[in-house]
Amino acid sequence: MFKFDEIRNSFNDIPHDENLAVEICKVLRPKISEDIPEFIADLIVKLDAKAENRPTAKELFQLIKEWYKENKNNGSEIHSQMKVYEEIRRNKLKNVSKENESEKTRIHSQAIYTSRFLSFNDFP
């Protein structure tokens, strides 16, 4: 199963403040992990900051429906990508305690992972 926990660590080394919110609205996107399946990475790239460039809900539904159908086929490209991804995830989980210790030192003190109100003067 694909997990989105990589997103949580995307901006862990910078303050989660008004400047980050503005940059995300303009163009800043998290780095796509190299172990993310290609079909998911392609979708992430399509989720553009400008609404007119993004796929519609109907297009997303159709795409995900096709992925689901294709993934049921053991010989499909999507199924192969998911198998590789699952193996990478298993290996990462084996080393999670070591990674957690080193991760703690890289999290910015103002990287806050809870919802809160930010006040803006010039929000794009």
PDB file of N, CA and C in Angstrom:
ATOM      1  N   MET A   1       0.852  -1.182   0.000  1.00  0.00           N
ATOM      2  CA  MET A   1       0.000   0.000   0.000  1.00  0.00           C
ATOM      3  C   MET A   1       0.892   1.237   0.000  1.00  0.00           C
ATOM      4  N   PHE A   2       0.544   2.201  -0.828  1.00  0.00           N
ATOM      5  CA  PHE A   2       1.294   3.451  -0.920  1.00  0.00           C
ATOM      6  C   PHE A   2       1.022   4.302   0.311  1.00  0.00           C
ATOM      7  N   LYS A   3       2.054   4.874   0.882  1.00  0.00           N
ATOM      8  CA  LYS A   3       1.903   5.712   2.072  1.00  0.00           C
ATOM      9  C   LYS A   3       2.407   7.116   1.741  1.00  0.00           C
ATOM     10  N   PHE A   4       1.747   8.116   2.286  1.00  0.00           N
ATOM     11  CA  PHE A   4       2.097   9.494   2.011  1.00  0.00           C
ATOM     12  C   PHE A   4       2.946  10.109   3.109  1.00  0.00           C
ATOM     13  N   ASP A   5       3.594   9.301   3.953  1.00  0.00           N
ATOM     14  CA  ASP A   5       4.369   9.853   5.056  1.00  0.00           C
ATOM     15  C   ASP A   5       5.591  10.622   4.584  1.00  0.00           C
ATOM     16  N   GLU A   6       6.005  10.443   3.324  1.00  0.00           N
ATOM     17  CA  GLU A   6       7.136  11.214   2.809  1.00  0.00           C
ATOM     18  C   GLU A   6       6.811  12.700   2.782  1.00  0.00           C
ATOM     19  N   ILE A   7       5.534  13.037   2.564  1.00  0.00           N
ATOM     20  CA  ILE A   7       5.113  14.434   2.506  1.00  0.00           C
ATOM     21  C   ILE A   7       5.386  15.117   3.843  1.00  0.00           C
ATOM     22  N   ARG A   8       5.171  14.422   4.945  1.00  0.00           N
ATOM     23  CA  ARG A   8       5.362  14.991   6.276  1.00  0.00           C
ATOM     24  C   ARG A   8       6.773  15.542   6.440  1.00  0.00           C
ATOM     25  N   ASN A   9       7.744  14.928   5.828  1.00  0.00           N
ATOM     26  CA  ASN A   9       9.137  15.342   5.963  1.00  0.00           C
ATOM     27  C   ASN A   9       9.604  16.283   4.856  1.00  0.00           C
ATOM     28  N   SER A  10       8.697  16.709   4.006  1.00  0.00           N
ATOM     29  CA  SER A  10       9.085  17.507   2.850  1.00  0.00           C
ATOM     30  C   SER A  10       9.704  18.841   3.203  1.00  0.00           C
ATOM     31  N   PHE A  11       9.155  19.528   4.169  1.00  0.00           N
ATOM     32  CA  PHE A  11       9.653  20.852   4.537  1.00  0.00           C
ATOM     33  C   PHE A  11      10.103  20.863   5.994  1.00  0.00           C
ATOM     34  N   ASN A  12      10.694  19.760   6.439  1.00  0.00           N
ATOM     35  CA  ASN A  12      11.067  19.639   7.850  1.00  0.00           C
ATOM     36  C   ASN A  12      12.268  20.481   8.240  1.00  0.00           C
ATOM     37  N   ASP A  13      13.000  20.997   7.274  1.00  0.00           N
ATOM     38  CA  ASP A  13      14.227  21.723   7.588  1.00  0.00           C
ATOM     39  C   ASP A  13      14.083  23.241   7.488  1.00  0.00           C
ATOM     40  N   ILE A  14      12.839  23.726   7.355  1.00  0.00           N
ATOM     41  CA  ILE A  14      12.584  25.164   7.268  1.00  0.00           C
ATOM     42  C   ILE A  14      11.391  25.530   8.157  1.00  0.00           C
ATOM     43  N   PRO A  15      11.295  26.802   8.552  1.00  0.00           N
ATOM     44  CA  PRO A  15      10.158  27.213   9.389  1.00  0.00           C
ATOM     45  C   PRO A  15       8.829  27.085   8.647  1.00  0.00           C
ATOM     46  N   HIS A  16       7.815  26.629   9.354  1.00  0.00           N
ATOM     47  CA  HIS A  16       6.467  26.558   8.790  1.00  0.00           C
ATOM     48  C   HIS A  16       5.758  27.861   9.152  1.00  0.00           C
ATOM     49  N   ASP A  17       5.982  28.862   8.327  1.00  0.00           N
ATOM     50  CA  ASP A  17       5.475  30.196   8.620  1.00  0.00           C
ATOM     51  C   ASP A  17       4.805  30.793   7.382  1.00  0.00           C
ATOM     52  N   GLU A  18       4.526  32.087   7.446  1.00  0.00           N
ATOM     53  CA  GLU A  18       3.873  32.780   6.341  1.00  0.00           C
ATOM     54  C   GLU A  18       4.691  32.691   5.052  1.00  0.00           C
ATOM     55  N   ASN A  19       6.011  32.783   5.175  1.00  0.00           N
ATOM     56  CA  ASN A  19       6.864  32.727   3.985  1.00  0.00           C
ATOM     57  C   ASN A  19       6.733  31.381   3.270  1.00  0.00           C
ATOM     58  N   LEU A  20       6.694  30.299   4.020  1.00  0.00           N
ATOM     59  CA  LEU A  20       6.530  28.976   3.417  1.00  0.00           C
ATOM     60  C   LEU A  20       5.164  28.873   2.741  1.00  0.00           C
ATOM     61  N   ALA A  21       4.119  29.359   3.394  1.00  0.00           N
ATOM     62  CA  ALA A  21       2.777  29.306   2.807  1.00  0.00           C
ATOM     63  C   ALA A  21       2.735  30.055   1.477  1.00  0.00           C
ATOM     64  N   VAL A  22       3.342  31.241   1.441  1.00  0.00           N
ATOM     65  CA  VAL A  22       3.364  32.030   0.205  1.00  0.00           C
ATOM     66  C   VAL A  22       4.156  31.297  -0.873  1.00  0.00           C
ATOM     67  N   GLU A  23       5.302  30.745  -0.526  1.00  0.00           N
ATOM     68  CA  GLU A  23       6.121  30.021  -1.512  1.00  0.00           C
ATOM     69  C   GLU A  23       5.392  28.797  -2.064  1.00  0.00           C
ATOM     70  N   ILE A  24       4.668  28.098  -1.208  1.00  0.00           N
ATOM     71  CA  ILE A  24       3.900  26.941  -1.675  1.00  0.00           C
ATOM     72  C   ILE A  24       2.814  27.402  -2.646  1.00  0.00           C
ATOM     73  N   CYS A  25       2.151  28.504  -2.331  1.00  0.00           N
ATOM     74  CA  CYS A  25       1.106  29.025  -3.227  1.00  0.00           C
ATOM     75  C   CYS A  25       1.679  29.470  -4.561  1.00  0.00           C
ATOM     76  N   LYS A  26       2.884  29.966  -4.555  1.00  0.00           N
ATOM     77  CA  LYS A  26       3.507  30.429  -5.802  1.00  0.00           C
ATOM     78  C   LYS A  26       4.030  29.265  -6.636  1.00  0.00           C
ATOM     79  N   VAL A  27       4.946  28.457  -6.043  1.00  0.00           N
ATOM     80  CA  VAL A  27       5.591  27.437  -6.874  1.00  0.00           C
ATOM     81  C   VAL A  27       6.238  26.291  -6.088  1.00  0.00           C
ATOM     82  N   LEU A  28       6.584  26.507  -4.853  1.00  0.00           N
ATOM     83  CA  LEU A  28       7.359  25.523  -4.095  1.00  0.00           C
ATOM     84  C   LEU A  28       6.601  24.213  -3.928  1.00  0.00           C
ATOM     85  N   ARG A  29       7.228  23.132  -4.285  1.00  0.00           N
ATOM     86  CA  ARG A  29       6.651  21.803  -4.147  1.00  0.00           C
ATOM     87  C   ARG A  29       7.660  20.902  -3.447  1.00  0.00           C
ATOM     88  N   PRO A  30       7.163  19.916  -2.714  1.00  0.00           N
ATOM     89  CA  PRO A  30       8.087  18.987  -2.070  1.00  0.00           C
ATOM     90  C   PRO A  30       8.862  18.191  -3.107  1.00  0.00           C
ATOM     91  N   LYS A  31      10.055  17.805  -2.734  1.00  0.00           N
ATOM     92  CA  LYS A  31      10.854  16.940  -3.599  1.00  0.00           C
ATOM     93  C   LYS A  31      10.154  15.588  -3.665  1.00  0.00           C
ATOM     94  N   ILE A  32      10.041  15.046  -4.853  1.00  0.00           N
ATOM     95  CA  ILE A  32       9.422  13.733  -5.022  1.00  0.00           C
ATOM     96  C   ILE A  32      10.503  12.685  -4.787  1.00  0.00           C
ATOM     97  N   SER A  33      10.259  11.852  -3.823  1.00  0.00           N
ATOM     98  CA  SER A  33      11.214  10.798  -3.467  1.00  0.00           C
ATOM     99  C   SER A  33      11.450   9.881  -4.664  1.00  0.00           C
ATOM    100  N   GLU A  34      12.692   9.479  -4.851  1.00  0.00           N
ATOM    101  CA  GLU A  34      13.024   8.623  -5.994  1.00  0.00           C
ATOM    102  C   GLU A  34      12.418   7.231  -5.887  1.00  0.00           C
ATOM    103  N   ASP A  35      11.970   6.830  -4.702  1.00  0.00           N
ATOM    104  CA  ASP A  35      11.383   5.498  -4.575  1.00  0.00           C
ATOM    105  C   ASP A  35       9.865   5.490  -4.752  1.00  0.00           C
ATOM    106  N   ILE A  36       9.263   6.670  -4.986  1.00  0.00           N
ATOM    107  CA  ILE A  36       7.823   6.740  -5.254  1.00  0.00           C
ATOM    108  C   ILE A  36       7.576   6.108  -6.625  1.00  0.00           C
ATOM    109  N   PRO A  37       6.536   5.281  -6.747  1.00  0.00           N
ATOM    110  CA  PRO A  37       6.243   4.698  -8.069  1.00  0.00           C
ATOM    111  C   PRO A  37       6.069   5.785  -9.125  1.00  0.00           C
ATOM    112  N   GLU A  38       6.537   5.507 -10.319  1.00  0.00           N
ATOM    113  CA  GLU A  38       6.536   6.500 -11.397  1.00  0.00           C
ATOM    114  C   GLU A  38       5.133   7.021 -11.695  1.00  0.00           C
ATOM    115  N   PHE A  39       4.136   6.142 -11.675  1.00  0.00           N
ATOM    116  CA  PHE A  39       2.789   6.599 -12.000  1.00  0.00           C
ATOM    117  C   PHE A  39       2.266   7.586 -10.953  1.00  0.00           C
ATOM    118  N   ILE A  40       2.672   7.437  -9.695  1.00  0.00           N
ATOM    119  CA  ILE A  40       2.280   8.388  -8.645  1.00  0.00           C
ATOM    120  C   ILE A  40       3.066   9.698  -8.825  1.00  0.00           C
ATOM    121  N   ALA A  41       4.361   9.596  -9.118  1.00  0.00           N
ATOM    122  CA  ALA A  41       5.182  10.793  -9.332  1.00  0.00           C
ATOM    123  C   ALA A  41       4.629  11.616 -10.496  1.00  0.00           C
ATOM    124  N   ASP A  42       4.185  10.947 -11.556  1.00  0.00           N
ATOM    125  CA  ASP A  42       3.600  11.652 -12.702  1.00  0.00           C
ATOM    126  C   ASP A  42       2.347  12.423 -12.288  1.00  0.00           C
ATOM    127  N   LEU A  43       1.531  11.832 -11.434  1.00  0.00           N
ATOM    128  CA  LEU A  43       0.335  12.512 -10.956  1.00  0.00           C
ATOM    129  C   LEU A  43       0.703  13.710 -10.094  1.00  0.00           C
ATOM    130  N   ILE A  44       1.673  13.550  -9.222  1.00  0.00           N
ATOM    131  CA  ILE A  44       2.097  14.643  -8.350  1.00  0.00           C
ATOM    132  C   ILE A  44       2.530  15.844  -9.188  1.00  0.00           C
ATOM    133  N   VAL A  45       3.253  15.597 -10.260  1.00  0.00           N
ATOM    134  CA  VAL A  45       3.712  16.679 -11.134  1.00  0.00           C
ATOM    135  C   VAL A  45       2.523  17.387 -11.786  1.00  0.00           C
ATOM    136  N   LYS A  46       1.458  16.645 -12.081  1.00  0.00           N
ATOM    137  CA  LYS A  46       0.272  17.236 -12.711  1.00  0.00           C
ATOM    138  C   LYS A  46      -0.505  18.137 -11.751  1.00  0.00           C
ATOM    139  N   LEU A  47      -0.273  18.010 -10.455  1.00  0.00           N
ATOM    140  CA  LEU A  47      -1.005  18.821  -9.469  1.00  0.00           C
ATOM    141  C   LEU A  47      -0.351  20.189  -9.357  1.00  0.00           C
ATOM    142  N   ASP A  48      -0.493  20.937 -10.399  1.00  0.00           N
ATOM    143  CA  ASP A  48       0.120  22.252 -10.569  1.00  0.00           C
ATOM    144  C   ASP A  48      -0.492  23.268  -9.612  1.00  0.00           C
ATOM    145  N   ALA A  49       0.254  24.315  -9.311  1.00  0.00           N
ATOM    146  CA  ALA A  49      -0.251  25.387  -8.448  1.00  0.00           C
ATOM    147  C   ALA A  49      -1.435  26.101  -9.093  1.00  0.00           C
ATOM    148  N   LYS A  50      -1.440  26.197 -10.400  1.00  0.00           N
ATOM    149  CA  LYS A  50      -2.542  26.857 -11.106  1.00  0.00           C
ATOM    150  C   LYS A  50      -3.659  25.846 -11.360  1.00  0.00           C
ATOM    151  N   ALA A  51      -4.834  26.175 -10.886  1.00  0.00           N
ATOM    152  CA  ALA A  51      -5.982  25.271 -10.986  1.00  0.00           C
ATOM    153  C   ALA A  51      -6.274  24.853 -12.425  1.00  0.00           C
ATOM    154  N   GLU A  52      -6.124  25.774 -13.366  1.00  0.00           N
ATOM    155  CA  GLU A  52      -6.448  25.458 -14.767  1.00  0.00           C
ATOM    156  C   GLU A  52      -5.503  24.412 -15.374  1.00  0.00           C
ATOM    157  N   ASN A  53      -4.343  24.191 -14.752  1.00  0.00           N
ATOM    158  CA  ASN A  53      -3.394  23.195 -15.248  1.00  0.00           C
ATOM    159  C   ASN A  53      -3.578  21.822 -14.598  1.00  0.00           C
ATOM    160  N   ARG A  54      -4.393  21.752 -13.563  1.00  0.00           N
ATOM    161  CA  ARG A  54      -4.601  20.495 -12.831  1.00  0.00           C
ATOM    162  C   ARG A  54      -5.670  19.642 -13.492  1.00  0.00           C
ATOM    163  N   PRO A  55      -5.589  18.318 -13.314  1.00  0.00           N
ATOM    164  CA  PRO A  55      -6.668  17.459 -13.814  1.00  0.00           C
ATOM    165  C   PRO A  55      -7.958  17.721 -13.025  1.00  0.00           C
ATOM    166  N   THR A  56      -9.081  17.518 -13.682  1.00  0.00           N
ATOM    167  CA  THR A  56     -10.371  17.677 -13.007  1.00  0.00           C
ATOM    168  C   THR A  56     -10.616  16.466 -12.110  1.00  0.00           C
ATOM    169  N   ALA A  57     -11.609  16.583 -11.239  1.00  0.00           N
ATOM    170  CA  ALA A  57     -11.972  15.462 -10.368  1.00  0.00           C
ATOM    171  C   ALA A  57     -12.384  14.257 -11.215  1.00  0.00           C
ATOM    172  N   LYS A  58     -13.095  14.508 -12.299  1.00  0.00           N
ATOM    173  CA  LYS A  58     -13.521  13.414 -13.191  1.00  0.00           C
ATOM    174  C   LYS A  58     -12.308  12.731 -13.819  1.00  0.00           C
ATOM    175  N   GLU A  59     -11.335  13.533 -14.277  1.00  0.00           N
ATOM    176  CA  GLU A  59     -10.114  12.965 -14.864  1.00  0.00           C
ATOM    177  C   GLU A  59      -9.340  12.150 -13.830  1.00  0.00           C
ATOM    178  N   LEU A  60      -9.246  12.669 -12.602  1.00  0.00           N
ATOM    179  CA  LEU A  60      -8.564  11.927 -11.538  1.00  0.00           C
ATOM    180  C   LEU A  60      -9.274  10.620 -11.234  1.00  0.00           C
ATOM    181  N   PHE A  61     -10.594  10.668 -11.157  1.00  0.00           N
ATOM    182  CA  PHE A  61     -11.368   9.455 -10.910  1.00  0.00           C
ATOM    183  C   PHE A  61     -11.090   8.405 -11.982  1.00  0.00           C
ATOM    184  N   GLN A  62     -11.127   8.825 -13.246  1.00  0.00           N
ATOM    185  CA  GLN A  62     -10.880   7.901 -14.349  1.00  0.00           C
ATOM    186  C   GLN A  62      -9.465   7.312 -14.275  1.00  0.00           C
ATOM    187  N   LEU A  63      -8.500   8.176 -13.971  1.00  0.00           N
ATOM    188  CA  LEU A  63      -7.111   7.737 -13.872  1.00  0.00           C
ATOM    189  C   LEU A  63      -6.931   6.713 -12.755  1.00  0.00           C
ATOM    190  N   ILE A  64      -7.481   6.996 -11.594  1.00  0.00           N
ATOM    191  CA  ILE A  64      -7.348   6.091 -10.449  1.00  0.00           C
ATOM    192  C   ILE A  64      -8.091   4.784 -10.717  1.00  0.00           C
ATOM    193  N   LYS A  65      -9.230   4.874 -11.379  1.00  0.00           N
ATOM    194  CA  LYS A  65      -9.982   3.668 -11.737  1.00  0.00           C
ATOM    195  C   LYS A  65      -9.148   2.780 -12.673  1.00  0.00           C
ATOM    196  N   GLU A  66      -8.475   3.415 -13.636  1.00  0.00           N
ATOM    197  CA  GLU A  66      -7.607   2.656 -14.550  1.00  0.00           C
ATOM    198  C   GLU A  66      -6.436   2.029 -13.799  1.00  0.00           C
ATOM    199  N   TRP A  67      -5.843   2.788 -12.889  1.00  0.00           N
ATOM    200  CA  TRP A  67      -4.746   2.236 -12.085  1.00  0.00           C
ATOM    201  C   TRP A  67      -5.205   1.022 -11.305  1.00  0.00           C
ATOM    202  N   TYR A  68      -6.381   1.132 -10.706  1.00  0.00           N
ATOM    203  CA  TYR A  68      -6.917   0.027  -9.910  1.00  0.00           C
ATOM    204  C   TYR A  68      -7.091  -1.217 -10.777  1.00  0.00           C
ATOM    205  N   LYS A  69      -7.691  -1.023 -11.945  1.00  0.00           N
ATOM    206  CA  LYS A  69      -7.890  -2.160 -12.860  1.00  0.00           C
ATOM    207  C   LYS A  69      -6.554  -2.757 -13.274  1.00  0.00           C
ATOM    208  N   GLU A  70      -5.609  -1.889 -13.639  1.00  0.00           N
ATOM    209  CA  GLU A  70      -4.307  -2.350 -14.113  1.00  0.00           C
ATOM    210  C   GLU A  70      -3.520  -3.034 -12.998  1.00  0.00           C
ATOM    211  N   ASN A  71      -3.603  -2.517 -11.785  1.00  0.00           N
ATOM    212  CA  ASN A  71      -2.855  -3.094 -10.669  1.00  0.00           C
ATOM    213  C   ASN A  71      -3.329  -4.502 -10.341  1.00  0.00           C
ATOM    214  N   LYS A  72      -4.578  -4.814 -10.651  1.00  0.00           N
ATOM    215  CA  LYS A  72      -5.095  -6.164 -10.411  1.00  0.00           C
ATOM    216  C   LYS A  72      -4.407  -7.179 -11.329  1.00  0.00           C
ATOM    217  N   ASN A  73      -3.877  -6.691 -12.445  1.00  0.00           N
ATOM    218  CA  ASN A  73      -3.174  -7.546 -13.399  1.00  0.00           C
ATOM    219  C   ASN A  73      -1.720  -7.683 -12.945  1.00  0.00           C
ATOM    220  N   ASN A  74      -1.329  -8.860 -12.484  1.00  0.00           N
ATOM    221  CA  ASN A  74       0.011  -9.078 -11.924  1.00  0.00           C
ATOM    222  C   ASN A  74       1.151  -8.755 -12.884  1.00  0.00           C
ATOM    223  N   GLY A  75       0.898  -8.739 -14.177  1.00  0.00           N
ATOM    224  CA  GLY A  75       1.961  -8.457 -15.132  1.00  0.00           C
ATOM    225  C   GLY A  75       2.029  -7.001 -15.574  1.00  0.00           C
ATOM    226  N   SER A  76       1.194  -6.149 -15.009  1.00  0.00           N
ATOM    227  CA  SER A  76       1.137  -4.763 -15.469  1.00  0.00           C
ATOM    228  C   SER A  76       2.330  -3.948 -14.959  1.00  0.00           C
ATOM    229  N   GLU A  77       2.559  -2.824 -15.619  1.00  0.00           N
ATOM    230  CA  GLU A  77       3.638  -1.913 -15.223  1.00  0.00           C
ATOM    231  C   GLU A  77       3.358  -1.322 -13.838  1.00  0.00           C
ATOM    232  N   ILE A  78       2.121  -0.948 -13.587  1.00  0.00           N
ATOM    233  CA  ILE A  78       1.768  -0.389 -12.286  1.00  0.00           C
ATOM    234  C   ILE A  78       1.982  -1.423 -11.188  1.00  0.00           C
ATOM    235  N   HIS A  79       1.576  -2.642 -11.436  1.00  0.00           N
ATOM    236  CA  HIS A  79       1.780  -3.706 -10.447  1.00  0.00           C
ATOM    237  C   HIS A  79       3.270  -3.881 -10.174  1.00  0.00           C
ATOM    238  N   SER A  80       4.088  -3.836 -11.210  1.00  0.00           N
ATOM    239  CA  SER A  80       5.547  -3.968 -11.041  1.00  0.00           C
ATOM    240  C   SER A  80       6.112  -2.817 -10.218  1.00  0.00           C
ATOM    241  N   GLN A  81       5.677  -1.593 -10.524  1.00  0.00           N
ATOM    242  CA  GLN A  81       6.154  -0.432  -9.769  1.00  0.00           C
ATOM    243  C   GLN A  81       5.757  -0.529  -8.299  1.00  0.00           C
ATOM    244  N   MET A  82       4.538  -0.999  -8.033  1.00  0.00           N
ATOM    245  CA  MET A  82       4.085  -1.133  -6.652  1.00  0.00           C
ATOM    246  C   MET A  82       4.882  -2.203  -5.916  1.00  0.00           C
ATOM    247  N   LYS A  83       5.217  -3.280  -6.574  1.00  0.00           N
ATOM    248  CA  LYS A  83       6.023  -4.337  -5.943  1.00  0.00           C
ATOM    249  C   LYS A  83       7.397  -3.792  -5.544  1.00  0.00           C
ATOM    250  N   VAL A  84       8.019  -3.043  -6.445  1.00  0.00           N
ATOM    251  CA  VAL A  84       9.324  -2.438  -6.145  1.00  0.00           C
ATOM    252  C   VAL A  84       9.182  -1.471  -4.977  1.00  0.00           C
ATOM    253  N   TYR A  85       8.139  -0.645  -5.022  1.00  0.00           N
ATOM    254  CA  TYR A  85       7.912   0.328  -3.950  1.00  0.00           C
ATOM    255  C   TYR A  85       7.713  -0.375  -2.606  1.00  0.00           C
ATOM    256  N   GLU A  86       6.909  -1.418  -2.588  1.00  0.00           N
ATOM    257  CA  GLU A  86       6.657  -2.149  -1.341  1.00  0.00           C
ATOM    258  C   GLU A  86       7.933  -2.747  -0.771  1.00  0.00           C
ATOM    259  N   GLU A  87       8.796  -3.243  -1.627  1.00  0.00           N
ATOM    260  CA  GLU A  87      10.076  -3.797  -1.156  1.00  0.00           C
ATOM    261  C   GLU A  87      10.963  -2.700  -0.560  1.00  0.00           C
ATOM    262  N   ILE A  88      11.011  -1.552  -1.219  1.00  0.00           N
ATOM    263  CA  ILE A  88      11.786  -0.419  -0.704  1.00  0.00           C
ATOM    264  C   ILE A  88      11.239   0.006   0.656  1.00  0.00           C
ATOM    265  N   ARG A  89       9.914   0.094   0.768  1.00  0.00           N
ATOM    266  CA  ARG A  89       9.290   0.483   2.048  1.00  0.00           C
ATOM    267  C   ARG A  89       9.627  -0.519   3.148  1.00  0.00           C
ATOM    268  N   ARG A  90       9.568  -1.796   2.829  1.00  0.00           N
ATOM    269  CA  ARG A  90       9.903  -2.819   3.835  1.00  0.00           C
ATOM    270  C   ARG A  90      11.322  -2.638   4.331  1.00  0.00           C
ATOM    271  N   ASN A  91      12.240  -2.401   3.404  1.00  0.00           N
ATOM    272  CA  ASN A  91      13.643  -2.197   3.784  1.00  0.00           C
ATOM    273  C   ASN A  91      13.815  -0.939   4.634  1.00  0.00           C
ATOM    274  N   LYS A  92      13.084   0.122   4.277  1.00  0.00           N
ATOM    275  CA  LYS A  92      13.171   1.353   5.063  1.00  0.00           C
ATOM    276  C   LYS A  92      12.636   1.132   6.474  1.00  0.00           C
ATOM    277  N   LEU A  93      11.544   0.392   6.585  1.00  0.00           N
ATOM    278  CA  LEU A  93      10.957   0.150   7.899  1.00  0.00           C
ATOM    279  C   LEU A  93      11.887  -0.641   8.809  1.00  0.00           C
ATOM    280  N   LYS A  94      12.708  -1.487   8.225  1.00  0.00           N
ATOM    281  CA  LYS A  94      13.674  -2.249   9.023  1.00  0.00           C
ATOM    282  C   LYS A  94      14.679  -1.319   9.687  1.00  0.00           C
ATOM    283  N   ASN A  95      14.968  -0.206   9.023  1.00  0.00           N
ATOM    284  CA  ASN A  95      15.966   0.732   9.533  1.00  0.00           C
ATOM    285  C   ASN A  95      15.340   1.964  10.182  1.00  0.00           C
ATOM    286  N   VAL A  96      14.036   1.908  10.482  1.00  0.00           N
ATOM    287  CA  VAL A  96      13.324   3.098  10.935  1.00  0.00           C
ATOM    288  C   VAL A  96      13.893   3.674  12.230  1.00  0.00           C
ATOM    289  N   SER A  97      14.320   2.877  13.154  1.00  0.00           N
ATOM    290  CA  SER A  97      14.822   3.439  14.412  1.00  0.00           C
ATOM    291  C   SER A  97      16.114   4.217  14.179  1.00  0.00           C
ATOM    292  N   LYS A  98      16.978   3.740  13.327  1.00  0.00           N
ATOM    293  CA  LYS A  98      18.206   4.468  13.013  1.00  0.00           C
ATOM    294  C   LYS A  98      17.890   5.779  12.296  1.00  0.00           C
ATOM    295  N   GLU A  99      16.949   5.722  11.341  1.00  0.00           N
ATOM    296  CA  GLU A  99      16.583   6.920  10.595  1.00  0.00           C
ATOM    297  C   GLU A  99      15.925   7.941  11.507  1.00  0.00           C
ATOM    298  N   ASN A 100      15.102   7.481  12.448  1.00  0.00           N
ATOM    299  CA  ASN A 100      14.422   8.407  13.352  1.00  0.00           C
ATOM    300  C   ASN A 100      15.409   9.196  14.187  1.00  0.00           C
ATOM    301  N   GLU A 101      16.473   8.566  14.629  1.00  0.00           N
ATOM    302  CA  GLU A 101      17.461   9.267  15.432  1.00  0.00           C
ATOM    303  C   GLU A 101      18.149  10.368  14.617  1.00  0.00           C
ATOM    304  N   SER A 102      18.524  10.065  13.383  1.00  0.00           N
ATOM    305  CA  SER A 102      19.188  11.077  12.564  1.00  0.00           C
ATOM    306  C   SER A 102      18.194  12.130  12.087  1.00  0.00           C
ATOM    307  N   GLU A 103      16.921  11.745  11.898  1.00  0.00           N
ATOM    308  CA  GLU A 103      15.887  12.678  11.448  1.00  0.00           C
ATOM    309  C   GLU A 103      15.626  13.763  12.482  1.00  0.00           C
ATOM    310  N   LYS A 104      15.699  13.418  13.753  1.00  0.00           N
ATOM    311  CA  LYS A 104      15.428  14.375  14.820  1.00  0.00           C
ATOM    312  C   LYS A 104      16.355  15.575  14.745  1.00  0.00           C
ATOM    313  N   THR A 105      17.565  15.370  14.306  1.00  0.00           N
ATOM    314  CA  THR A 105      18.519  16.466  14.251  1.00  0.00           C
ATOM    315  C   THR A 105      18.284  17.380  13.058  1.00  0.00           C
ATOM    316  N   ARG A 106      17.508  16.939  12.073  1.00  0.00           N
ATOM    317  CA  ARG A 106      17.304  17.732  10.864  1.00  0.00           C
ATOM    318  C   ARG A 106      15.995  18.500  10.853  1.00  0.00           C
ATOM    319  N   ILE A 107      15.150  18.361  11.872  1.00  0.00           N
ATOM    320  CA  ILE A 107      13.866  19.040  11.875  1.00  0.00           C
ATOM    321  C   ILE A 107      14.030  20.441  12.449  1.00  0.00           C
ATOM    322  N   HIS A 108      13.629  21.428  11.681  1.00  0.00           N
ATOM    323  CA  HIS A 108      13.721  22.821  12.103  1.00  0.00           C
ATOM    324  C   HIS A 108      12.810  23.048  13.306  1.00  0.00           C
ATOM    325  N   SER A 109      13.226  23.883  14.221  1.00  0.00           N
ATOM    326  CA  SER A 109      12.451  24.121  15.434  1.00  0.00           C
ATOM    327  C   SER A 109      11.095  24.757  15.155  1.00  0.00           C
ATOM    328  N   GLN A 110      10.952  25.392  14.002  1.00  0.00           N
ATOM    329  CA  GLN A 110       9.680  26.007  13.638  1.00  0.00           C
ATOM    330  C   GLN A 110       8.930  25.206  12.572  1.00  0.00           C
ATOM    331  N   ALA A 111       9.290  23.923  12.415  1.00  0.00           N
ATOM    332  CA  ALA A 111       8.539  23.036  11.530  1.00  0.00           C
ATOM    333  C   ALA A 111       7.404  22.449  12.360  1.00  0.00           C
ATOM    334  N   ILE A 112       6.222  23.024  12.210  1.00  0.00           N
ATOM    335  CA  ILE A 112       5.077  22.688  13.060  1.00  0.00           C
ATOM    336  C   ILE A 112       4.054  21.911  12.233  1.00  0.00           C
ATOM    337  N   TYR A 113       3.712  20.709  12.688  1.00  0.00           N
ATOM    338  CA  TYR A 113       2.822  19.843  11.928  1.00  0.00           C
ATOM    339  C   TYR A 113       1.405  19.819  12.493  1.00  0.00           C
ATOM    340  N   THR A 114       0.908  20.971  12.905  1.00  0.00           N
ATOM    341  CA  THR A 114      -0.483  21.093  13.332  1.00  0.00           C
ATOM    342  C   THR A 114      -1.087  22.297  12.628  1.00  0.00           C
ATOM    343  N   SER A 115      -2.397  22.294  12.493  1.00  0.00           N
ATOM    344  CA  SER A 115      -3.079  23.427  11.859  1.00  0.00           C
ATOM    345  C   SER A 115      -3.033  24.633  12.792  1.00  0.00           C
ATOM    346  N   ARG A 116      -2.862  25.798  12.188  1.00  0.00           N
ATOM    347  CA  ARG A 116      -2.913  27.024  12.972  1.00  0.00           C
ATOM    348  C   ARG A 116      -3.179  28.188  12.025  1.00  0.00           C
ATOM    349  N   PHE A 117      -3.612  29.291  12.579  1.00  0.00           N
ATOM    350  CA  PHE A 117      -3.943  30.475  11.805  1.00  0.00           C
ATOM    351  C   PHE A 117      -2.668  31.251  11.516  1.00  0.00           C
ATOM    352  N   LEU A 118      -2.482  31.644  10.259  1.00  0.00           N
ATOM    353  CA  LEU A 118      -1.380  32.509   9.858  1.00  0.00           C
ATOM    354  C   LEU A 118      -1.982  33.790   9.298  1.00  0.00           C
ATOM    355  N   SER A 119      -1.461  34.919   9.725  1.00  0.00           N
ATOM    356  CA  SER A 119      -1.963  36.209   9.263  1.00  0.00           C
ATOM    357  C   SER A 119      -1.094  36.712   8.110  1.00  0.00           C
ATOM    358  N   PHE A 120      -1.732  37.130   7.007  1.00  0.00           N
ATOM    359  CA  PHE A 120      -1.010  37.581   5.828  1.00  0.00           C
ATOM    360  C   PHE A 120      -1.406  39.001   5.447  1.00  0.00           C
ATOM    361  N   ASN A 121      -0.436  39.758   4.973  1.00  0.00           N
ATOM    362  CA  ASN A 121      -0.720  41.053   4.393  1.00  0.00           C
ATOM    363  C   ASN A 121      -0.942  40.937   2.897  1.00  0.00           C
ATOM    364  N   ASP A 122      -0.031  40.222   2.216  1.00  0.00           N
ATOM    365  CA  ASP A 122      -0.096  40.059   0.761  1.00  0.00           C
ATOM    366  C   ASP A 122      -0.103  38.585   0.398  1.00  0.00           C
ATOM    367  N   PHE A 123      -1.241  37.947   0.510  1.00  0.00           N
ATOM    368  CA  PHE A 123      -1.322  36.527   0.149  1.00  0.00           C
ATOM    369  C   PHE A 123      -1.621  36.410  -1.335  1.00  0.00           C
ATOM    370  N   PRO A 124      -0.809  35.644  -2.091  1.00  0.00           N
ATOM    371  CA  PRO A 124      -1.015  35.575  -3.537  1.00  0.00           C
ATOM    372  C   PRO A 124      -2.319  34.878  -3.925  1.00  0.00           C
TER     373      PRO A 124
END
